PDB file of all heavy atoms in Angstrom:
ATOM      1  N   LEU A   1       8.690  14.018  10.205  1.00  0.00           N
ATOM      2  CA  LEU A   1       8.903  12.927   9.250  1.00  0.00           C
ATOM      3  C   LEU A   1       7.773  12.857   8.230  1.00  0.00           C
ATOM      4  O   LEU A   1       8.023  12.727   7.023  1.00  0.00           O
ATOM      5  CB  LEU A   1       9.016  11.595   9.983  1.00  0.00           C
ATOM      6  CG  LEU A   1       9.229  10.387   9.048  1.00  0.00           C
ATOM      7  CD1 LEU A   1      10.540  10.513   8.289  1.00  0.00           C
ATOM      8  CD2 LEU A   1       9.164   9.074   9.802  1.00  0.00           C
ATOM      9  N   ALA A   2       6.532  12.951   8.690  1.00  0.00           N
ATOM     10  CA  ALA A   2       5.402  12.864   7.767  1.00  0.00           C
ATOM     11  C   ALA A   2       5.450  13.994   6.737  1.00  0.00           C
ATOM     12  O   ALA A   2       5.244  13.766   5.540  1.00  0.00           O
ATOM     13  CB  ALA A   2       4.091  12.902   8.540  1.00  0.00           C
ATOM     14  N   ASP A   3       5.732  15.206   7.194  1.00  0.00           N
ATOM     15  CA  ASP A   3       5.774  16.340   6.276  1.00  0.00           C
ATOM     16  C   ASP A   3       6.882  16.172   5.239  1.00  0.00           C
ATOM     17  O   ASP A   3       6.694  16.489   4.051  1.00  0.00           O
ATOM     18  CB  ASP A   3       5.988  17.625   7.074  1.00  0.00           C
ATOM     19  CG  ASP A   3       5.196  18.799   6.518  1.00  0.00           C
ATOM     20  OD1 ASP A   3       4.339  18.586   5.633  1.00  0.00           O
ATOM     21  OD2 ASP A   3       5.417  19.938   6.960  1.00  0.00           O
ATOM     22  N   TRP A   4       8.000  15.662   5.666  1.00  0.00           N
ATOM     23  CA  TRP A   4       9.137  15.447   4.764  1.00  0.00           C
ATOM     24  C   TRP A   4       8.793  14.381   3.727  1.00  0.00           C
ATOM     25  O   TRP A   4       9.018  14.557   2.531  1.00  0.00           O
ATOM     26  CB  TRP A   4      10.354  15.044   5.577  1.00  0.00           C
ATOM     27  CG  TRP A   4      11.670  15.203   4.878  1.00  0.00           C
ATOM     28  CD1 TRP A   4      11.881  15.357   3.533  1.00  0.00           C
ATOM     29  CD2 TRP A   4      12.957  15.236   5.480  1.00  0.00           C
ATOM     30  NE1 TRP A   4      13.228  15.468   3.264  1.00  0.00           N
ATOM     31  CE2 TRP A   4      13.912  15.403   4.450  1.00  0.00           C
ATOM     32  CE3 TRP A   4      13.413  15.123   6.796  1.00  0.00           C
ATOM     33  CZ2 TRP A   4      15.287  15.470   4.689  1.00  0.00           C
ATOM     34  CZ3 TRP A   4      14.775  15.189   7.038  1.00  0.00           C
ATOM     35  CH2 TRP A   4      15.710  15.360   5.998  1.00  0.00           C
ATOM     36  N   LEU A   5       8.234  13.273   4.165  1.00  0.00           N
ATOM     37  CA  LEU A   5       7.872  12.194   3.242  1.00  0.00           C
ATOM     38  C   LEU A   5       6.779  12.635   2.263  1.00  0.00           C
ATOM     39  O   LEU A   5       6.817  12.290   1.073  1.00  0.00           O
ATOM     40  CB  LEU A   5       7.408  10.963   4.023  1.00  0.00           C
ATOM     41  CG  LEU A   5       8.493  10.204   4.798  1.00  0.00           C
ATOM     42  CD1 LEU A   5       7.859   9.124   5.666  1.00  0.00           C
ATOM     43  CD2 LEU A   5       9.519   9.589   3.847  1.00  0.00           C
ATOM     44  N   ILE A   6       5.808  13.394   2.759  1.00  0.00           N
ATOM     45  CA  ILE A   6       4.751  13.902   1.880  1.00  0.00           C
ATOM     46  C   ILE A   6       5.347  14.822   0.819  1.00  0.00           C
ATOM     47  O   ILE A   6       4.959  14.775  -0.360  1.00  0.00           O
ATOM     48  CB  ILE A   6       3.662  14.627   2.692  1.00  0.00           C
ATOM     49  CG1 ILE A   6       2.914  13.639   3.588  1.00  0.00           C
ATOM     50  CG2 ILE A   6       2.674  15.336   1.760  1.00  0.00           C
ATOM     51  CD1 ILE A   6       1.976  14.309   4.584  1.00  0.00           C
ATOM     52  N   SER A   7       6.289  15.662   1.227  1.00  0.00           N
ATOM     53  CA  SER A   7       6.953  16.559   0.279  1.00  0.00           C
ATOM     54  C   SER A   7       7.710  15.791  -0.792  1.00  0.00           C
ATOM     55  O   SER A   7       7.906  16.294  -1.907  1.00  0.00           O
ATOM     56  CB  SER A   7       7.910  17.502   1.022  1.00  0.00           C
ATOM     57  OG  SER A   7       7.205  18.364   1.896  1.00  0.00           O
ATOM     58  N   MET A   8       8.133  14.571  -0.465  1.00  0.00           N
ATOM     59  CA  MET A   8       8.823  13.720  -1.424  1.00  0.00           C
ATOM     60  C   MET A   8       7.850  12.996  -2.351  1.00  0.00           C
ATOM     61  O   MET A   8       8.266  12.300  -3.273  1.00  0.00           O
ATOM     62  CB  MET A   8       9.693  12.699  -0.679  1.00  0.00           C
ATOM     63  CG  MET A   8      10.850  13.304   0.096  1.00  0.00           C
ATOM     64  SD  MET A   8      11.664  12.069   1.170  1.00  0.00           S
ATOM     65  CE  MET A   8      12.281  10.894  -0.062  1.00  0.00           C
ATOM     66  N   GLY A   9       6.554  13.153  -2.099  1.00  0.00           N
ATOM     67  CA  GLY A   9       5.559  12.508  -2.936  1.00  0.00           C
ATOM     68  C   GLY A   9       5.019  11.204  -2.389  1.00  0.00           C
ATOM     69  O   GLY A   9       4.274  10.500  -3.074  1.00  0.00           O
ATOM     70  N   HIS A  10       5.365  10.869  -1.134  1.00  0.00           N
ATOM     71  CA  HIS A  10       4.906   9.621  -0.539  1.00  0.00           C
ATOM     72  C   HIS A  10       3.618   9.834   0.251  1.00  0.00           C
ATOM     73  O   HIS A  10       3.312  10.946   0.694  1.00  0.00           O
ATOM     74  CB  HIS A  10       5.982   9.047   0.381  1.00  0.00           C
ATOM     75  CG  HIS A  10       7.249   8.701  -0.324  1.00  0.00           C
ATOM     76  ND1 HIS A  10       7.312   7.761  -1.324  1.00  0.00           N
ATOM     77  CD2 HIS A  10       8.525   9.186  -0.180  1.00  0.00           C
ATOM     78  CE1 HIS A  10       8.547   7.663  -1.770  1.00  0.00           C
ATOM     79  NE2 HIS A  10       9.304   8.517  -1.091  1.00  0.00           N
ATOM     80  N   ASP A  11       2.865   8.764   0.435  1.00  0.00           N
ATOM     81  CA  ASP A  11       1.625   8.790   1.206  1.00  0.00           C
ATOM     82  C   ASP A  11       1.953   8.452   2.658  1.00  0.00           C
ATOM     83  O   ASP A  11       2.064   7.281   3.030  1.00  0.00           O
ATOM     84  CB  ASP A  11       0.627   7.782   0.626  1.00  0.00           C
ATOM     85  CG  ASP A  11      -0.735   7.842   1.321  1.00  0.00           C
ATOM     86  OD1 ASP A  11      -0.901   8.677   2.235  1.00  0.00           O
ATOM     87  OD2 ASP A  11      -1.618   7.042   0.952  1.00  0.00           O
ATOM     88  N   ALA A  12       2.124   9.474   3.464  1.00  0.00           N
ATOM     89  CA  ALA A  12       2.467   9.298   4.875  1.00  0.00           C
ATOM     90  C   ALA A  12       1.458  10.046   5.730  1.00  0.00           C
ATOM     91  O   ALA A  12       0.972  11.111   5.341  1.00  0.00           O
ATOM     92  CB  ALA A  12       3.878   9.807   5.153  1.00  0.00           C
ATOM     93  N   LYS A  13       1.159   9.498   6.901  1.00  0.00           N
ATOM     94  CA  LYS A  13       0.193  10.122   7.801  1.00  0.00           C
ATOM     95  C   LYS A  13       0.702  10.058   9.238  1.00  0.00           C
ATOM     96  O   LYS A  13       1.359   9.085   9.624  1.00  0.00           O
ATOM     97  CB  LYS A  13      -1.166   9.417   7.703  1.00  0.00           C
ATOM     98  CG  LYS A  13      -1.819   9.545   6.325  1.00  0.00           C
ATOM     99  CD  LYS A  13      -3.101   8.746   6.253  1.00  0.00           C
ATOM    100  CE  LYS A  13      -3.822   8.979   4.925  1.00  0.00           C
ATOM    101  NZ  LYS A  13      -3.029   8.532   3.752  1.00  0.00           N
ATOM    102  N   VAL A  14       0.389  11.077   9.998  1.00  0.00           N
ATOM    103  CA  VAL A  14       0.660  11.072  11.432  1.00  0.00           C
ATOM    104  C   VAL A  14      -0.458  10.296  12.112  1.00  0.00           C
ATOM    105  O   VAL A  14      -1.637  10.527  11.840  1.00  0.00           O
ATOM    106  CB  VAL A  14       0.716  12.499  11.997  1.00  0.00           C
ATOM    107  CG1 VAL A  14       0.904  12.466  13.521  1.00  0.00           C
ATOM    108  CG2 VAL A  14       1.835  13.295  11.339  1.00  0.00           C
ATOM    109  N   VAL A  15      -0.094   9.370  12.979  1.00  0.00           N
ATOM    110  CA  VAL A  15      -1.079   8.567  13.699  1.00  0.00           C
ATOM    111  C   VAL A  15      -1.064   8.962  15.169  1.00  0.00           C
ATOM    112  O   VAL A  15      -0.001   9.092  15.787  1.00  0.00           O
ATOM    113  CB  VAL A  15      -0.788   7.056  13.568  1.00  0.00           C
ATOM    114  CG1 VAL A  15      -1.884   6.245  14.254  1.00  0.00           C
ATOM    115  CG2 VAL A  15      -0.657   6.654  12.105  1.00  0.00           C
ATOM    116  N   LEU A  16      -2.257   9.147  15.728  1.00  0.00           N
ATOM    117  CA  LEU A  16      -2.415   9.439  17.149  1.00  0.00           C
ATOM    118  C   LEU A  16      -3.078   8.249  17.821  1.00  0.00           C
ATOM    119  O   LEU A  16      -4.008   7.667  17.286  1.00  0.00           O
ATOM    120  CB  LEU A  16      -3.278  10.684  17.346  1.00  0.00           C
ATOM    121  CG  LEU A  16      -2.819  11.957  16.639  1.00  0.00           C
ATOM    122  CD1 LEU A  16      -3.851  13.061  16.834  1.00  0.00           C
ATOM    123  CD2 LEU A  16      -1.451  12.399  17.133  1.00  0.00           C
ATOM    124  N   GLY A  17      -2.578   7.886  18.976  1.00  0.00           N
ATOM    125  CA  GLY A  17      -3.161   6.755  19.682  1.00  0.00           C
ATOM    126  C   GLY A  17      -2.402   6.463  20.955  1.00  0.00           C
ATOM    127  O   GLY A  17      -1.941   7.379  21.643  1.00  0.00           O
ATOM    128  N   LYS A  18      -2.258   5.184  21.251  1.00  0.00           N
ATOM    129  CA  LYS A  18      -1.552   4.771  22.460  1.00  0.00           C
ATOM    130  C   LYS A  18      -0.511   3.707  22.136  1.00  0.00           C
ATOM    131  O   LYS A  18      -0.697   2.884  21.238  1.00  0.00           O
ATOM    132  CB  LYS A  18      -2.535   4.216  23.499  1.00  0.00           C
ATOM    133  CG  LYS A  18      -3.460   5.268  24.094  1.00  0.00           C
ATOM    134  CD  LYS A  18      -4.357   4.662  25.146  1.00  0.00           C
ATOM    135  CE  LYS A  18      -5.167   5.728  25.888  1.00  0.00           C
ATOM    136  NZ  LYS A  18      -6.028   6.495  24.987  1.00  0.00           N
ATOM    137  N   TYR A  19       0.566   3.761  22.874  1.00  0.00           N
ATOM    138  CA  TYR A  19       1.575   2.717  22.793  1.00  0.00           C
ATOM    139  C   TYR A  19       1.807   2.194  24.199  1.00  0.00           C
ATOM    140  O   TYR A  19       2.196   2.948  25.089  1.00  0.00           O
ATOM    141  CB  TYR A  19       2.885   3.251  22.202  1.00  0.00           C
ATOM    142  CG  TYR A  19       3.996   2.220  22.198  1.00  0.00           C
ATOM    143  CD1 TYR A  19       3.895   1.071  21.416  1.00  0.00           C
ATOM    144  CD2 TYR A  19       5.134   2.392  22.987  1.00  0.00           C
ATOM    145  CE1 TYR A  19       4.904   0.114  21.411  1.00  0.00           C
ATOM    146  CE2 TYR A  19       6.148   1.445  22.984  1.00  0.00           C
ATOM    147  CZ  TYR A  19       6.028   0.309  22.202  1.00  0.00           C
ATOM    148  OH  TYR A  19       7.021  -0.644  22.210  1.00  0.00           O
ATOM    149  N   ARG A  20       1.477   0.939  24.379  1.00  0.00           N
ATOM    150  CA  ARG A  20       1.572   0.303  25.695  1.00  0.00           C
ATOM    151  C   ARG A  20       0.812   1.110  26.743  1.00  0.00           C
ATOM    152  O   ARG A  20       1.285   1.325  27.864  1.00  0.00           O
ATOM    153  CB  ARG A  20       3.032   0.119  26.095  1.00  0.00           C
ATOM    154  CG  ARG A  20       3.768  -0.868  25.189  1.00  0.00           C
ATOM    155  CD  ARG A  20       5.198  -1.083  25.609  1.00  0.00           C
ATOM    156  NE  ARG A  20       5.849  -2.079  24.745  1.00  0.00           N
ATOM    157  CZ  ARG A  20       7.139  -2.426  24.844  1.00  0.00           C
ATOM    158  NH1 ARG A  20       7.909  -1.867  25.776  1.00  0.00           N
ATOM    159  NH2 ARG A  20       7.656  -3.329  24.027  1.00  0.00           N
ATOM    160  N   GLY A  21      -0.370   1.572  26.350  1.00  0.00           N
ATOM    161  CA  GLY A  21      -1.264   2.239  27.276  1.00  0.00           C
ATOM    162  C   GLY A  21      -1.057   3.727  27.467  1.00  0.00           C
ATOM    163  O   GLY A  21      -1.819   4.372  28.180  1.00  0.00           O
ATOM    164  N   ARG A  22      -0.059   4.306  26.813  1.00  0.00           N
ATOM    165  CA  ARG A  22       0.223   5.727  26.991  1.00  0.00           C
ATOM    166  C   ARG A  22       0.047   6.466  25.668  1.00  0.00           C
ATOM    167  O   ARG A  22       0.314   5.920  24.590  1.00  0.00           O
ATOM    168  CB  ARG A  22       1.642   5.937  27.522  1.00  0.00           C
ATOM    169  CG  ARG A  22       1.901   5.248  28.853  1.00  0.00           C
ATOM    170  CD  ARG A  22       3.256   5.613  29.408  1.00  0.00           C
ATOM    171  NE  ARG A  22       3.349   7.030  29.739  1.00  0.00           N
ATOM    172  CZ  ARG A  22       4.426   7.607  30.279  1.00  0.00           C
ATOM    173  NH1 ARG A  22       5.498   6.869  30.546  1.00  0.00           N
ATOM    174  NH2 ARG A  22       4.437   8.889  30.539  1.00  0.00           N
ATOM    175  N   GLY A  23      -0.405   7.724  25.741  1.00  0.00           N
ATOM    176  CA  GLY A  23      -0.610   8.531  24.547  1.00  0.00           C
ATOM    177  C   GLY A  23       0.660   8.640  23.729  1.00  0.00           C
ATOM    178  O   GLY A  23       1.762   8.839  24.280  1.00  0.00           O
ATOM    179  N   HIS A  24       0.528   8.521  22.413  1.00  0.00           N
ATOM    180  CA  HIS A  24       1.710   8.495  21.564  1.00  0.00           C
ATOM    181  C   HIS A  24       1.349   8.944  20.150  1.00  0.00           C
ATOM    182  O   HIS A  24       0.173   9.007  19.775  1.00  0.00           O
ATOM    183  CB  HIS A  24       2.294   7.070  21.542  1.00  0.00           C
ATOM    184  CG  HIS A  24       3.679   6.985  21.003  1.00  0.00           C
ATOM    185  ND1 HIS A  24       4.687   7.843  21.377  1.00  0.00           N
ATOM    186  CD2 HIS A  24       4.241   6.140  20.078  1.00  0.00           C
ATOM    187  CE1 HIS A  24       5.797   7.521  20.744  1.00  0.00           C
ATOM    188  NE2 HIS A  24       5.542   6.498  19.940  1.00  0.00           N
ATOM    189  N   ALA A  25       2.365   9.268  19.366  1.00  0.00           N
ATOM    190  CA  ALA A  25       2.205   9.616  17.955  1.00  0.00           C
ATOM    191  C   ALA A  25       3.310   8.927  17.162  1.00  0.00           C
ATOM    192  O   ALA A  25       4.451   8.831  17.621  1.00  0.00           O
ATOM    193  CB  ALA A  25       2.275  11.129  17.764  1.00  0.00           C
ATOM    194  N   TRP A  26       2.947   8.439  15.979  1.00  0.00           N
ATOM    195  CA  TRP A  26       3.919   7.798  15.094  1.00  0.00           C
ATOM    196  C   TRP A  26       3.496   8.050  13.657  1.00  0.00           C
ATOM    197  O   TRP A  26       2.543   8.804  13.399  1.00  0.00           O
ATOM    198  CB  TRP A  26       4.039   6.309  15.415  1.00  0.00           C
ATOM    199  CG  TRP A  26       2.780   5.506  15.289  1.00  0.00           C
ATOM    200  CD1 TRP A  26       2.350   4.765  14.225  1.00  0.00           C
ATOM    201  CD2 TRP A  26       1.768   5.317  16.309  1.00  0.00           C
ATOM    202  NE1 TRP A  26       1.151   4.140  14.494  1.00  0.00           N
ATOM    203  CE2 TRP A  26       0.771   4.467  15.756  1.00  0.00           C
ATOM    204  CE3 TRP A  26       1.611   5.790  17.603  1.00  0.00           C
ATOM    205  CZ2 TRP A  26      -0.363   4.081  16.475  1.00  0.00           C
ATOM    206  CZ3 TRP A  26       0.477   5.421  18.308  1.00  0.00           C
ATOM    207  CH2 TRP A  26      -0.484   4.572  17.749  1.00  0.00           C
ATOM    208  N   VAL A  27       4.190   7.466  12.702  1.00  0.00           N
ATOM    209  CA  VAL A  27       3.897   7.681  11.280  1.00  0.00           C
ATOM    210  C   VAL A  27       3.575   6.355  10.612  1.00  0.00           C
ATOM    211  O   VAL A  27       4.218   5.337  10.892  1.00  0.00           O
ATOM    212  CB  VAL A  27       5.086   8.358  10.559  1.00  0.00           C
ATOM    213  CG1 VAL A  27       4.914   8.294   9.035  1.00  0.00           C
ATOM    214  CG2 VAL A  27       5.213   9.807  11.010  1.00  0.00           C
ATOM    215  N   ILE A  28       2.564   6.369   9.754  1.00  0.00           N
ATOM    216  CA  ILE A  28       2.271   5.214   8.912  1.00  0.00           C
ATOM    217  C   ILE A  28       2.592   5.614   7.474  1.00  0.00           C
ATOM    218  O   ILE A  28       2.194   6.691   7.023  1.00  0.00           O
ATOM    219  CB  ILE A  28       0.807   4.748   9.066  1.00  0.00           C
ATOM    220  CG1 ILE A  28       0.598   3.367   8.448  1.00  0.00           C
ATOM    221  CG2 ILE A  28      -0.160   5.748   8.511  1.00  0.00           C
ATOM    222  CD1 ILE A  28       1.178   2.243   9.273  1.00  0.00           C
ATOM    223  N   LEU A  29       3.333   4.761   6.793  1.00  0.00           N
ATOM    224  CA  LEU A  29       3.736   5.014   5.408  1.00  0.00           C
ATOM    225  C   LEU A  29       3.118   3.963   4.502  1.00  0.00           C
ATOM    226  O   LEU A  29       3.295   2.762   4.724  1.00  0.00           O
ATOM    227  CB  LEU A  29       5.269   4.975   5.286  1.00  0.00           C
ATOM    228  CG  LEU A  29       5.852   5.033   3.868  1.00  0.00           C
ATOM    229  CD1 LEU A  29       5.539   6.377   3.209  1.00  0.00           C
ATOM    230  CD2 LEU A  29       7.353   4.777   3.902  1.00  0.00           C
ATOM    231  N   PHE A  30       2.377   4.404   3.509  1.00  0.00           N
ATOM    232  CA  PHE A  30       1.797   3.505   2.510  1.00  0.00           C
ATOM    233  C   PHE A  30       2.731   3.501   1.300  1.00  0.00           C
ATOM    234  O   PHE A  30       2.880   4.524   0.616  1.00  0.00           O
ATOM    235  CB  PHE A  30       0.398   3.984   2.119  1.00  0.00           C
ATOM    236  CG  PHE A  30      -0.566   4.061   3.264  1.00  0.00           C
ATOM    237  CD1 PHE A  30      -0.667   5.211   4.038  1.00  0.00           C
ATOM    238  CD2 PHE A  30      -1.380   2.981   3.588  1.00  0.00           C
ATOM    239  CE1 PHE A  30      -1.548   5.285   5.096  1.00  0.00           C
ATOM    240  CE2 PHE A  30      -2.268   3.038   4.658  1.00  0.00           C
ATOM    241  CZ  PHE A  30      -2.353   4.198   5.411  1.00  0.00           C
ATOM    242  N   TYR A  31       3.350   2.357   1.055  1.00  0.00           N
ATOM    243  CA  TYR A  31       4.398   2.301   0.028  1.00  0.00           C
ATOM    244  C   TYR A  31       4.416   0.918  -0.608  1.00  0.00           C
ATOM    245  O   TYR A  31       4.456  -0.094   0.108  1.00  0.00           O
ATOM    246  CB  TYR A  31       5.755   2.616   0.670  1.00  0.00           C
ATOM    247  CG  TYR A  31       6.920   2.689  -0.283  1.00  0.00           C
ATOM    248  CD1 TYR A  31       7.059   3.761  -1.149  1.00  0.00           C
ATOM    249  CD2 TYR A  31       7.896   1.686  -0.295  1.00  0.00           C
ATOM    250  CE1 TYR A  31       8.138   3.841  -2.022  1.00  0.00           C
ATOM    251  CE2 TYR A  31       8.973   1.759  -1.158  1.00  0.00           C
ATOM    252  CZ  TYR A  31       9.086   2.843  -2.024  1.00  0.00           C
ATOM    253  OH  TYR A  31      10.154   2.910  -2.879  1.00  0.00           O
ATOM    254  N   ASN A  32       4.357   0.879  -1.935  1.00  0.00           N
ATOM    255  CA  ASN A  32       4.366  -0.391  -2.667  1.00  0.00           C
ATOM    256  C   ASN A  32       3.284  -1.357  -2.169  1.00  0.00           C
ATOM    257  O   ASN A  32       3.533  -2.541  -1.953  1.00  0.00           O
ATOM    258  CB  ASN A  32       5.745  -1.057  -2.581  1.00  0.00           C
ATOM    259  CG  ASN A  32       6.768  -0.385  -3.476  1.00  0.00           C
ATOM    260  OD1 ASN A  32       6.410   0.388  -4.370  1.00  0.00           O
ATOM    261  ND2 ASN A  32       8.040  -0.655  -3.236  1.00  0.00           N
ATOM    262  N   ASN A  33       2.090  -0.804  -1.945  1.00  0.00           N
ATOM    263  CA  ASN A  33       0.937  -1.597  -1.495  1.00  0.00           C
ATOM    264  C   ASN A  33       1.155  -2.259  -0.138  1.00  0.00           C
ATOM    265  O   ASN A  33       0.542  -3.289   0.170  1.00  0.00           O
ATOM    266  CB  ASN A  33       0.591  -2.670  -2.539  1.00  0.00           C
ATOM    267  CG  ASN A  33       0.156  -2.073  -3.860  1.00  0.00           C
ATOM    268  OD1 ASN A  33      -0.614  -1.109  -3.901  1.00  0.00           O
ATOM    269  ND2 ASN A  33       0.659  -2.623  -4.963  1.00  0.00           N
ATOM    270  N   GLN A  34       2.028  -1.695   0.656  1.00  0.00           N
ATOM    271  CA  GLN A  34       2.285  -2.177   2.008  1.00  0.00           C
ATOM    272  C   GLN A  34       2.134  -1.035   3.000  1.00  0.00           C
ATOM    273  O   GLN A  34       2.203   0.144   2.616  1.00  0.00           O
ATOM    274  CB  GLN A  34       3.706  -2.767   2.126  1.00  0.00           C
ATOM    275  CG  GLN A  34       3.989  -3.930   1.195  1.00  0.00           C
ATOM    276  CD  GLN A  34       3.537  -5.262   1.790  1.00  0.00           C
ATOM    277  OE1 GLN A  34       2.783  -5.299   2.757  1.00  0.00           O
ATOM    278  NE2 GLN A  34       3.995  -6.360   1.200  1.00  0.00           N
ATOM    279  N   GLU A  35       1.924  -1.364   4.252  1.00  0.00           N
ATOM    280  CA  GLU A  35       1.804  -0.367   5.313  1.00  0.00           C
ATOM    281  C   GLU A  35       2.981  -0.518   6.270  1.00  0.00           C
ATOM    282  O   GLU A  35       3.174  -1.586   6.857  1.00  0.00           O
ATOM    283  CB  GLU A  35       0.484  -0.548   6.063  1.00  0.00           C
ATOM    284  CG  GLU A  35      -0.739  -0.418   5.171  1.00  0.00           C
ATOM    285  CD  GLU A  35      -2.014  -0.878   5.861  1.00  0.00           C
ATOM    286  OE1 GLU A  35      -1.935  -1.236   7.056  1.00  0.00           O
ATOM    287  OE2 GLU A  35      -3.068  -0.898   5.207  1.00  0.00           O
ATOM    288  N   PHE A  36       3.744   0.552   6.412  1.00  0.00           N
ATOM    289  CA  PHE A  36       4.932   0.519   7.260  1.00  0.00           C
ATOM    290  C   PHE A  36       4.740   1.447   8.455  1.00  0.00           C
ATOM    291  O   PHE A  36       4.384   2.621   8.290  1.00  0.00           O
ATOM    292  CB  PHE A  36       6.162   0.944   6.465  1.00  0.00           C
ATOM    293  CG  PHE A  36       6.478   0.027   5.311  1.00  0.00           C
ATOM    294  CD1 PHE A  36       5.951   0.269   4.049  1.00  0.00           C
ATOM    295  CD2 PHE A  36       7.282  -1.091   5.492  1.00  0.00           C
ATOM    296  CE1 PHE A  36       6.227  -0.578   2.982  1.00  0.00           C
ATOM    297  CE2 PHE A  36       7.564  -1.945   4.432  1.00  0.00           C
ATOM    298  CZ  PHE A  36       7.024  -1.682   3.173  1.00  0.00           C
ATOM    299  N   LEU A  37       4.968   0.920   9.637  1.00  0.00           N
ATOM    300  CA  LEU A  37       4.850   1.699  10.867  1.00  0.00           C
ATOM    301  C   LEU A  37       6.231   2.211  11.257  1.00  0.00           C
ATOM    302  O   LEU A  37       7.160   1.421  11.441  1.00  0.00           O
ATOM    303  CB  LEU A  37       4.247   0.852  11.984  1.00  0.00           C
ATOM    304  CG  LEU A  37       3.818   1.590  13.248  1.00  0.00           C
ATOM    305  CD1 LEU A  37       2.710   0.809  13.964  1.00  0.00           C
ATOM    306  CD2 LEU A  37       4.976   1.826  14.211  1.00  0.00           C
ATOM    307  N   ILE A  38       6.337   3.522  11.376  1.00  0.00           N
ATOM    308  CA  ILE A  38       7.634   4.135  11.689  1.00  0.00           C
ATOM    309  C   ILE A  38       7.571   4.775  13.072  1.00  0.00           C
ATOM    310  O   ILE A  38       6.809   5.716  13.299  1.00  0.00           O
ATOM    311  CB  ILE A  38       8.017   5.190  10.646  1.00  0.00           C
ATOM    312  CG1 ILE A  38       7.904   4.609   9.229  1.00  0.00           C
ATOM    313  CG2 ILE A  38       9.438   5.685  10.896  1.00  0.00           C
ATOM    314  CD1 ILE A  38       8.160   5.618   8.124  1.00  0.00           C
ATOM    315  N   GLU A  39       8.362   4.253  13.980  1.00  0.00           N
ATOM    316  CA  GLU A  39       8.484   4.817  15.319  1.00  0.00           C
ATOM    317  C   GLU A  39       9.490   5.965  15.220  1.00  0.00           C
ATOM    318  O   GLU A  39      10.700   5.764  15.227  1.00  0.00           O
ATOM    319  CB  GLU A  39       8.950   3.760  16.308  1.00  0.00           C
ATOM    320  CG  GLU A  39       9.222   4.274  17.716  1.00  0.00           C
ATOM    321  CD  GLU A  39       8.085   5.120  18.243  1.00  0.00           C
ATOM    322  OE1 GLU A  39       7.003   4.564  18.498  1.00  0.00           O
ATOM    323  OE2 GLU A  39       8.283   6.349  18.389  1.00  0.00           O
TER     324      GLU A  39
END
């Protein structure tokens, strides 16, 4: 998803961390001065 959005010209990043205590990865999208979390 991040690679696709970046190719479209959007500011997207892969995030590494934890979700409910377990290792996880998701995408954060910076769009229209807002931050959107994409599961």
